[in-house]
Each structure stands twice: as C-alpha cells, then as structure tokens.
C-alpha atoms as a PDB file:
ATOM      1  CA  MET A   1      41.835  18.195 -11.225  1.00  0.00           C
ATOM      2  CA  ARG A   2      38.911  18.274  -8.788  1.00  0.00           C
ATOM      3  CA  LYS A   3      39.109  15.648  -6.067  1.00  0.00           C
ATOM      4  CA  ILE A   4      36.219  14.305  -3.941  1.00  0.00           C
ATOM      5  CA  LEU A   5      36.362  11.953  -0.965  1.00  0.00           C
ATOM      6  CA  VAL A   6      33.670   9.321  -0.414  1.00  0.00           C
ATOM      7  CA  ILE A   7      33.375   8.413   3.269  1.00  0.00           C
ATOM      8  CA  ASN A   8      31.462   5.362   4.494  1.00  0.00           C
ATOM      9  CA  GLY A   9      30.703   4.595   8.122  1.00  0.00           C
ATOM     10  CA  PRO A  10      30.146   1.453  10.143  1.00  0.00           C
ATOM     11  CA  ASN A  11      29.023  -1.832   8.636  1.00  0.00           C
ATOM     12  CA  LEU A  12      28.961  -0.522   5.065  1.00  0.00           C
ATOM     13  CA  GLY A  13      31.869  -2.827   4.297  1.00  0.00           C
ATOM     14  CA  LEU A  14      29.334  -5.641   4.801  1.00  0.00           C
ATOM     15  CA  LEU A  15      27.034  -4.506   1.996  1.00  0.00           C
ATOM     16  CA  GLY A  16      25.890  -7.418  -0.119  1.00  0.00           C
ATOM     17  CA  GLN A  17      25.944  -9.683   2.934  1.00  0.00           C
ATOM     18  CA  ARG A  18      23.812  -7.883   5.527  1.00  0.00           C
ATOM     19  CA  GLU A  19      20.104  -7.117   5.529  1.00  0.00           C
ATOM     20  CA  ARG A  20      19.672  -7.676   1.819  1.00  0.00           C
ATOM     21  CA  ASN A  21      15.973  -6.854   2.123  1.00  0.00           C
ATOM     22  CA  ILE A  22      17.003  -3.287   3.039  1.00  0.00           C
ATOM     23  CA  TYR A  23      20.368  -2.736   1.333  1.00  0.00           C
ATOM     24  CA  GLY A  24      20.188  -5.124  -1.619  1.00  0.00           C
ATOM     25  CA  THR A  25      22.968  -7.376  -2.838  1.00  0.00           C
ATOM     26  CA  ILE A  26      25.423  -4.807  -4.193  1.00  0.00           C
ATOM     27  CA  THR A  27      28.769  -4.593  -2.417  1.00  0.00           C
ATOM     28  CA  LEU A  28      30.581  -1.435  -1.363  1.00  0.00           C
ATOM     29  CA  GLU A  29      33.305  -2.278  -3.882  1.00  0.00           C
ATOM     30  CA  ALA A  30      30.715  -2.398  -6.681  1.00  0.00           C
ATOM     31  CA  ILE A  31      29.256   0.948  -5.585  1.00  0.00           C
ATOM     32  CA  ASN A  32      32.759   2.427  -5.576  1.00  0.00           C
ATOM     33  CA  GLU A  33      33.321   1.174  -9.125  1.00  0.00           C
ATOM     34  CA  LYS A  34      30.105   2.872 -10.298  1.00  0.00           C
ATOM     35  CA  ILE A  35      31.234   6.083  -8.600  1.00  0.00           C
ATOM     36  CA  LYS A  36      34.647   5.872 -10.319  1.00  0.00           C
ATOM     37  CA  ILE A  37      33.006   5.522 -13.734  1.00  0.00           C
ATOM     38  CA  LEU A  38      30.770   8.554 -13.255  1.00  0.00           C
ATOM     39  CA  ALA A  39      33.607  10.563 -11.685  1.00  0.00           C
ATOM     40  CA  SER A  40      35.755   9.898 -14.736  1.00  0.00           C
ATOM     41  CA  GLU A  41      32.962  11.167 -16.997  1.00  0.00           C
ATOM     42  CA  LEU A  42      32.735  14.323 -14.843  1.00  0.00           C
ATOM     43  CA  ASN A  43      36.526  14.807 -14.793  1.00  0.00           C
ATOM     44  CA  ILE A  44      36.667  14.248 -11.027  1.00  0.00           C
ATOM     45  CA  VAL A  45      39.139  12.144  -9.072  1.00  0.00           C
ATOM     46  CA  VAL A  46      37.594  10.176  -6.217  1.00  0.00           C
ATOM     47  CA  GLU A  47      39.104   8.508  -3.183  1.00  0.00           C
ATOM     48  CA  PHE A  48      37.322   6.194  -0.784  1.00  0.00           C
ATOM     49  CA  PHE A  49      37.472   5.760   2.979  1.00  0.00           C
ATOM     50  CA  GLN A  50      35.458   3.354   5.125  1.00  0.00           C
ATOM     51  CA  SER A  51      35.699   2.815   8.853  1.00  0.00           C
ATOM     52  CA  ASN A  52      33.652   1.280  11.616  1.00  0.00           C
ATOM     53  CA  HIS A  53      35.303   3.631  14.129  1.00  0.00           C
ATOM     54  CA  GLU A  54      33.951   7.070  14.941  1.00  0.00           C
ATOM     55  CA  GLY A  55      37.338   8.592  15.768  1.00  0.00           C
ATOM     56  CA  GLU A  56      38.856   7.439  12.473  1.00  0.00           C
ATOM     57  CA  LEU A  57      35.950   9.030  10.592  1.00  0.00           C
ATOM     58  CA  VAL A  58      36.369  12.290  12.521  1.00  0.00           C
ATOM     59  CA  ASP A  59      40.114  12.307  11.842  1.00  0.00           C
ATOM     60  CA  ARG A  60      39.615  11.691   8.119  1.00  0.00           C
ATOM     61  CA  ILE A  61      37.010  14.452   7.833  1.00  0.00           C
ATOM     62  CA  GLY A  62      39.371  16.821   9.629  1.00  0.00           C
ATOM     63  CA  SER A  63      42.212  16.099   7.230  1.00  0.00           C
ATOM     64  CA  LEU A  64      40.536  16.802   3.901  1.00  0.00           C
ATOM     65  CA  ASN A  65      40.417  20.619   3.790  1.00  0.00           C
ATOM     66  CA  ASN A  66      43.422  21.221   1.544  1.00  0.00           C
ATOM     67  CA  GLU A  67      43.260  18.158  -0.665  1.00  0.00           C
ATOM     68  CA  PHE A  68      39.578  17.773  -1.608  1.00  0.00           C
ATOM     69  CA  ILE A  69      36.934  20.112  -2.977  1.00  0.00           C
ATOM     70  CA  GLY A  70      34.049  18.178  -1.440  1.00  0.00           C
ATOM     71  CA  ALA A  71      32.933  14.943   0.162  1.00  0.00           C
ATOM     72  CA  ILE A  72      30.124  12.426   0.038  1.00  0.00           C
ATOM     73  CA  ILE A  73      29.404  10.843   3.401  1.00  0.00           C
ATOM     74  CA  ASN A  74      27.268   7.924   4.481  1.00  0.00           C
ATOM     75  CA  PRO A  75      27.688   8.074   8.253  1.00  0.00           C
ATOM     76  CA  ALA A  76      25.484   4.972   8.570  1.00  0.00           C
ATOM     77  CA  ALA A  77      24.377   4.461  12.186  1.00  0.00           C
ATOM     78  CA  TYR A  78      26.485   7.452  13.271  1.00  0.00           C
ATOM     79  CA  THR A  79      24.006   9.640  11.365  1.00  0.00           C
ATOM     80  CA  HIS A  80      21.703   9.406  14.358  1.00  0.00           C
ATOM     81  CA  THR A  81      24.215   9.444  17.204  1.00  0.00           C
ATOM     82  CA  SER A  82      27.477  11.236  16.454  1.00  0.00           C
ATOM     83  CA  VAL A  83      27.850  14.836  17.512  1.00  0.00           C
ATOM     84  CA  ALA A  84      31.587  14.391  16.874  1.00  0.00           C
ATOM     85  CA  ILE A  85      31.081  13.598  13.180  1.00  0.00           C
ATOM     86  CA  ARG A  86      28.559  16.420  12.894  1.00  0.00           C
ATOM     87  CA  ASP A  87      31.042  18.868  14.398  1.00  0.00           C
ATOM     88  CA  ALA A  88      33.870  17.637  12.136  1.00  0.00           C
ATOM     89  CA  ILE A  89      31.705  18.220   9.051  1.00  0.00           C
ATOM     90  CA  ALA A  90      30.690  21.667  10.340  1.00  0.00           C
ATOM     91  CA  ALA A  91      34.357  22.590  10.867  1.00  0.00           C
ATOM     92  CA  SER A  92      35.313  21.475   7.371  1.00  0.00           C
ATOM     93  CA  ARG A  93      35.678  24.111   4.686  1.00  0.00           C
ATOM     94  CA  VAL A  94      34.380  21.888   1.891  1.00  0.00           C
ATOM     95  CA  PRO A  95      30.810  20.950   0.971  1.00  0.00           C
ATOM     96  CA  PHE A  96      29.438  17.588   2.069  1.00  0.00           C
ATOM     97  CA  VAL A  97      26.477  15.637   0.717  1.00  0.00           C
ATOM     98  CA  GLU A  98      25.011  13.025   3.062  1.00  0.00           C
ATOM     99  CA  VAL A  99      23.783   9.811   1.450  1.00  0.00           C
ATOM    100  CA  HIS A 100      21.869   6.747   2.538  1.00  0.00           C
ATOM    101  CA  ILE A 101      21.112   3.631   0.540  1.00  0.00           C
ATOM    102  CA  SER A 102      17.720   3.135   2.185  1.00  0.00           C
ATOM    103  CA  ASN A 103      15.069   5.752   2.842  1.00  0.00           C
ATOM    104  CA  ILE A 104      15.859   6.415   6.486  1.00  0.00           C
ATOM    105  CA  TYR A 105      12.504   8.174   6.930  1.00  0.00           C
ATOM    106  CA  SER A 106      10.551   5.024   6.082  1.00  0.00           C
ATOM    107  CA  ARG A 107      12.401   2.926   8.649  1.00  0.00           C
ATOM    108  CA  GLU A 108      12.484   2.821  12.447  1.00  0.00           C
ATOM    109  CA  GLU A 109      11.674   6.127  14.110  1.00  0.00           C
ATOM    110  CA  PHE A 110      15.150   6.524  15.631  1.00  0.00           C
ATOM    111  CA  ARG A 111      16.518   6.708  12.063  1.00  0.00           C
ATOM    112  CA  HIS A 112      14.307   9.692  11.183  1.00  0.00           C
ATOM    113  CA  LYS A 113      16.676  12.144  12.886  1.00  0.00           C
ATOM    114  CA  SER A 114      19.988  12.963  11.228  1.00  0.00           C
ATOM    115  CA  LEU A 115      22.477  14.879  13.352  1.00  0.00           C
ATOM    116  CA  THR A 116      24.722  15.379  10.326  1.00  0.00           C
ATOM    117  CA  ALA A 117      22.331  16.507   7.575  1.00  0.00           C
ATOM    118  CA  ALA A 118      22.015  20.068   8.870  1.00  0.00           C
ATOM    119  CA  VAL A 119      25.742  20.709   8.337  1.00  0.00           C
ATOM    120  CA  CYS A 120      25.763  19.182   4.843  1.00  0.00           C
ATOM    121  CA  LYS A 121      24.734  20.924   1.621  1.00  0.00           C
ATOM    122  CA  GLY A 122      22.034  18.288   1.228  1.00  0.00           C
ATOM    123  CA  GLN A 123      20.934  14.740   1.869  1.00  0.00           C
ATOM    124  CA  ILE A 124      19.999  12.006  -0.601  1.00  0.00           C
ATOM    125  CA  SER A 125      18.391   8.800   0.654  1.00  0.00           C
ATOM    126  CA  GLY A 126      16.409   5.890  -0.631  1.00  0.00           C
ATOM    127  CA  PHE A 127      17.884   5.436  -4.101  1.00  0.00           C
ATOM    128  CA  ALA A 128      20.136   2.459  -3.316  1.00  0.00           C
ATOM    129  CA  GLN A 129      23.590   2.831  -4.920  1.00  0.00           C
ATOM    130  CA  ASP A 130      22.255   5.669  -7.062  1.00  0.00           C
ATOM    131  CA  SER A 131      22.172   7.839  -3.920  1.00  0.00           C
ATOM    132  CA  TYR A 132      25.969   8.057  -4.260  1.00  0.00           C
ATOM    133  CA  LEU A 133      25.797   8.896  -7.968  1.00  0.00           C
ATOM    134  CA  LEU A 134      23.229  11.621  -7.367  1.00  0.00           C
ATOM    135  CA  ALA A 135      25.459  13.035  -4.631  1.00  0.00           C
ATOM    136  CA  LEU A 136      28.449  13.036  -6.980  1.00  0.00           C
ATOM    137  CA  ARG A 137      26.429  14.951  -9.565  1.00  0.00           C
ATOM    138  CA  ALA A 138      25.365  17.428  -6.868  1.00  0.00           C
ATOM    139  CA  LEU A 139      28.967  18.016  -5.774  1.00  0.00           C
ATOM    140  CA  ASP A 140      30.023  18.348  -9.403  1.00  0.00           C
ATOM    141  CA  SER A 141      27.477  21.121  -9.826  1.00  0.00           C
ATOM    142  CA  LEU A 142      28.391  22.811  -6.521  1.00  0.00           C
ATOM    143  CA  THR A 143      32.125  22.818  -7.179  1.00  0.00           C
ATOM    144  CA  LYS A 144      32.380  23.755 -10.849  1.00  0.00           C
ATOM    145  CA  ILE A 145      34.243  26.946 -11.533  1.00  0.00           C
ATOM    146  CA  LYS A 146      31.649  29.463 -12.632  1.00  0.00           C
END
C-alpha cells in the first residue's frame, strides 16, 4: 500500500478561527477528512503531522524516507524563512508537493518568495482546501508503478 504524509506548519491548527477572509472557515481536521476520502479512492494511506515548531518539522521530514512514498507540505510562514526545512526536503528521497490555501503571490510581497518550492516537485496555491486534494492527485500520478 502506498503511504503519503501530509505535513502542516505553524498556525494551520487554527484554521477556521484565524483570518477567515483569507483562509475561510474550514478547519484542518475537515481538510484532513477530505484528504482521507480521496486517498481511499486512490488506494493511498495518508498520515498527518502538524507542528508550530521548525525543528519538529525538520525532524519529521528527515524520518519519512523508508516509510512514505511522498509528502504534501504546507510550510505556512516557514515557506518564506526556513532554510532548514528547505534543506530537509532536498535531502529527502521522496517527492514533495508544496501547498498553500491562499494564493501567496496575490498577498504581501514577502510571501511571493518560497524557499521550499524549488526542492519540491511542484507547488499548488490558491485553491483553498482543494490545494491539498490537487497535490494528492499529483503525488498519486508521480508515484504510480508504471
């Protein structure tokens, strides 16, 4: 069975409560449920990890090489600041897809630069919770046995 890890960075545990004009009212738990449903249809097992701490995110990325065939990551604010997370993704031997709920390129200028996107297979942003579902479909396609 193919297994994918979904990693969420800082403040994403507050979805549904924070900045609803940007992130909407859906919670992280509800997004995870939608991911589980699609993963089941695609015959993929998913696990979820969320942390507000950079080191915990780096450690989790570093531990997935033998257990998972790919990962979806929303580094949140660390997208724009964390060389450590970027380097952990680059060192990983599995494909990553970076996701963002909002279109980071239509927001403040400091959000226009992603340190992590260049070491991911791709980036999906601006499609609310569907960004995660599109990323899951992308990883499904990338990791199918040909």
